[in-house]
Amino acid sequence: MNNYMEINAGYWAILKLDLKKIRLKSLKLSVLNYFLLD
């Protein structure tokens, strides 16, 4: 049971990192779009 929890925590940590990367990418894109449109 403890092992499962550790694996689950690791999975969520990776998922959160991926979400942060995606957010950064979308933020950069929206900033670029803002400057291009302006």
PDB file of N, CA and C in Angstrom:
ATOM      1  N   MET A   1       0.827  -1.200   0.000  1.00  0.00           N
ATOM      2  CA  MET A   1       0.000   0.000   0.000  1.00  0.00           C
ATOM      3  C   MET A   1       0.871   1.264   0.000  1.00  0.00           C
ATOM      4  N   ASN A   2       1.882   1.260   0.826  1.00  0.00           N
ATOM      5  CA  ASN A   2       2.773   2.416   0.898  1.00  0.00           C
ATOM      6  C   ASN A   2       3.485   2.633  -0.433  1.00  0.00           C
ATOM      7  N   ASN A   3       3.893   1.542  -1.072  1.00  0.00           N
ATOM      8  CA  ASN A   3       4.566   1.616  -2.356  1.00  0.00           C
ATOM      9  C   ASN A   3       3.659   2.248  -3.399  1.00  0.00           C
ATOM     10  N   TYR A   4       2.384   1.873  -3.376  1.00  0.00           N
ATOM     11  CA  TYR A   4       1.407   2.429  -4.319  1.00  0.00           C
ATOM     12  C   TYR A   4       1.285   3.942  -4.141  1.00  0.00           C
ATOM     13  N   MET A   5       1.283   4.376  -2.887  1.00  0.00           N
ATOM     14  CA  MET A   5       1.167   5.802  -2.591  1.00  0.00           C
ATOM     15  C   MET A   5       2.373   6.570  -3.125  1.00  0.00           C
ATOM     16  N   GLU A   6       3.543   5.973  -2.980  1.00  0.00           N
ATOM     17  CA  GLU A   6       4.772   6.621  -3.468  1.00  0.00           C
ATOM     18  C   GLU A   6       4.735   6.747  -4.982  1.00  0.00           C
ATOM     19  N   ILE A   7       4.311   5.698  -5.659  1.00  0.00           N
ATOM     20  CA  ILE A   7       4.214   5.721  -7.117  1.00  0.00           C
ATOM     21  C   ILE A   7       3.197   6.779  -7.547  1.00  0.00           C
ATOM     22  N   ASN A   8       2.070   6.820  -6.859  1.00  0.00           N
ATOM     23  CA  ASN A   8       1.021   7.787  -7.152  1.00  0.00           C
ATOM     24  C   ASN A   8       1.531   9.212  -6.967  1.00  0.00           C
ATOM     25  N   ALA A   9       2.277   9.461  -5.896  1.00  0.00           N
ATOM     26  CA  ALA A   9       2.831  10.787  -5.621  1.00  0.00           C
ATOM     27  C   ALA A   9       3.817  11.185  -6.721  1.00  0.00           C
ATOM     28  N   GLY A  10       4.639  10.241  -7.144  1.00  0.00           N
ATOM     29  CA  GLY A  10       5.597  10.498  -8.218  1.00  0.00           C
ATOM     30  C   GLY A  10       4.883  10.825  -9.517  1.00  0.00           C
ATOM     31  N   TYR A  11       3.807  10.099  -9.779  1.00  0.00           N
ATOM     32  CA  TYR A  11       3.013  10.326 -10.989  1.00  0.00           C
ATOM     33  C   TYR A  11       2.416  11.730 -10.984  1.00  0.00           C
ATOM     34  N   TRP A  12       1.878  12.134  -9.858  1.00  0.00           N
ATOM     35  CA  TRP A  12       1.285  13.468  -9.745  1.00  0.00           C
ATOM     36  C   TRP A  12       2.339  14.562  -9.858  1.00  0.00           C
ATOM     37  N   ALA A  13       3.520  14.307  -9.318  1.00  0.00           N
ATOM     38  CA  ALA A  13       4.609  15.287  -9.414  1.00  0.00           C
ATOM     39  C   ALA A  13       4.986  15.510 -10.871  1.00  0.00           C
ATOM     40  N   ILE A  14       5.084  14.419 -11.631  1.00  0.00           N
ATOM     41  CA  ILE A  14       5.406  14.510 -13.057  1.00  0.00           C
ATOM     42  C   ILE A  14       4.288  15.238 -13.796  1.00  0.00           C
ATOM     43  N   LEU A  15       3.053  14.901 -13.462  1.00  0.00           N
ATOM     44  CA  LEU A  15       1.901  15.521 -14.103  1.00  0.00           C
ATOM     45  C   LEU A  15       1.888  17.033 -13.842  1.00  0.00           C
ATOM     46  N   LYS A  16       2.176  17.419 -12.614  1.00  0.00           N
ATOM     47  CA  LYS A  16       2.213  18.837 -12.261  1.00  0.00           C
ATOM     48  C   LYS A  16       3.319  19.558 -13.021  1.00  0.00           C
ATOM     49  N   LEU A  17       4.482  18.926 -13.153  1.00  0.00           N
ATOM     50  CA  LEU A  17       5.578  19.525 -13.908  1.00  0.00           C
ATOM     51  C   LEU A  17       5.170  19.733 -15.358  1.00  0.00           C
ATOM     52  N   ASP A  18       4.514  18.717 -15.942  1.00  0.00           N
ATOM     53  CA  ASP A  18       4.057  18.828 -17.325  1.00  0.00           C
ATOM     54  C   ASP A  18       3.059  19.969 -17.461  1.00  0.00           C
ATOM     55  N   LEU A  19       2.162  20.104 -16.493  1.00  0.00           N
ATOM     56  CA  LEU A  19       1.167  21.181 -16.537  1.00  0.00           C
ATOM     57  C   LEU A  19       1.845  22.542 -16.459  1.00  0.00           C
ATOM     58  N   LYS A  20       2.880  22.652 -15.619  1.00  0.00           N
ATOM     59  CA  LYS A  20       3.616  23.912 -15.514  1.00  0.00           C
ATOM     60  C   LYS A  20       4.280  24.255 -16.836  1.00  0.00           C
ATOM     61  N   LYS A  21       4.886  23.248 -17.483  1.00  0.00           N
ATOM     62  CA  LYS A  21       5.532  23.475 -18.782  1.00  0.00           C
ATOM     63  C   LYS A  21       4.512  23.928 -19.811  1.00  0.00           C
ATOM     64  N   ILE A  22       3.358  23.262 -19.821  1.00  0.00           N
ATOM     65  CA  ILE A  22       2.297  23.616 -20.775  1.00  0.00           C
ATOM     66  C   ILE A  22       1.817  25.040 -20.510  1.00  0.00           C
ATOM     67  N   ARG A  23       1.650  25.392 -19.246  1.00  0.00           N
ATOM     68  CA  ARG A  23       1.211  26.746 -18.891  1.00  0.00           C
ATOM     69  C   ARG A  23       2.234  27.774 -19.333  1.00  0.00           C
ATOM     70  N   LEU A  24       3.516  27.485 -19.118  1.00  0.00           N
ATOM     71  CA  LEU A  24       4.571  28.400 -19.542  1.00  0.00           C
ATOM     72  C   LEU A  24       4.554  28.572 -21.054  1.00  0.00           C
ATOM     73  N   LYS A  25       4.385  27.459 -21.776  1.00  0.00           N
ATOM     74  CA  LYS A  25       4.331  27.524 -23.238  1.00  0.00           C
ATOM     75  C   LYS A  25       3.155  28.367 -23.697  1.00  0.00           C
ATOM     76  N   SER A  26       1.986  28.127 -23.130  1.00  0.00           N
ATOM     77  CA  SER A  26       0.794  28.874 -23.533  1.00  0.00           C
ATOM     78  C   SER A  26       0.927  30.343 -23.142  1.00  0.00           C
ATOM     79  N   LEU A  27       1.580  30.606 -22.016  1.00  0.00           N
ATOM     80  CA  LEU A  27       1.807  31.985 -21.584  1.00  0.00           C
ATOM     81  C   LEU A  27       2.723  32.693 -22.578  1.00  0.00           C
ATOM     82  N   LYS A  28       3.806  32.031 -22.967  1.00  0.00           N
ATOM     83  CA  LYS A  28       4.732  32.602 -23.955  1.00  0.00           C
ATOM     84  C   LYS A  28       4.019  32.861 -25.274  1.00  0.00           C
ATOM     85  N   LEU A  29       3.196  31.899 -25.689  1.00  0.00           N
ATOM     86  CA  LEU A  29       2.456  32.049 -26.941  1.00  0.00           C
ATOM     87  C   LEU A  29       1.486  33.217 -26.870  1.00  0.00           C
ATOM     88  N   SER A  30       0.777  33.352 -25.765  1.00  0.00           N
ATOM     89  CA  SER A  30      -0.192  34.446 -25.623  1.00  0.00           C
ATOM     90  C   SER A  30       0.523  35.794 -25.590  1.00  0.00           C
ATOM     91  N   VAL A  31       1.700  35.833 -24.971  1.00  0.00           N
ATOM     92  CA  VAL A  31       2.491  37.068 -24.945  1.00  0.00           C
ATOM     93  C   VAL A  31       2.955  37.408 -26.361  1.00  0.00           C
ATOM     94  N   LEU A  32       3.429  36.401 -27.086  1.00  0.00           N
ATOM     95  CA  LEU A  32       3.854  36.616 -28.475  1.00  0.00           C
ATOM     96  C   LEU A  32       2.690  37.109 -29.326  1.00  0.00           C
ATOM     97  N   ASN A  33       1.541  36.470 -29.171  1.00  0.00           N
ATOM     98  CA  ASN A  33       0.351  36.867 -29.923  1.00  0.00           C
ATOM     99  C   ASN A  33      -0.038  38.301 -29.600  1.00  0.00           C
ATOM    100  N   TYR A  34       0.063  38.664 -28.338  1.00  0.00           N
ATOM    101  CA  TYR A  34      -0.281  40.018 -27.901  1.00  0.00           C
ATOM    102  C   TYR A  34       0.601  41.047 -28.603  1.00  0.00           C
ATOM    103  N   PHE A  35       1.891  40.765 -28.644  1.00  0.00           N
ATOM    104  CA  PHE A  35       2.817  41.706 -29.291  1.00  0.00           C
ATOM    105  C   PHE A  35       2.630  41.721 -30.808  1.00  0.00           C
ATOM    106  N   LEU A  36       2.345  40.564 -31.379  1.00  0.00           N
ATOM    107  CA  LEU A  36       2.140  40.492 -32.827  1.00  0.00           C
ATOM    108  C   LEU A  36       0.865  41.229 -33.235  1.00  0.00           C
ATOM    109  N   LEU A  37      -0.179  41.088 -32.428  1.00  0.00           N
ATOM    110  CA  LEU A  37      -1.447  41.746 -32.738  1.00  0.00           C
ATOM    111  C   LEU A  37      -1.358  43.252 -32.503  1.00  0.00           C
ATOM    112  N   ASP A  38      -0.561  43.645 -31.549  1.00  0.00           N
ATOM    113  CA  ASP A  38      -0.402  45.044 -31.193  1.00  0.00           C
ATOM    114  C   ASP A  38       0.481  45.751 -32.196  1.00  0.00           C
TER     115      ASP A  38
END
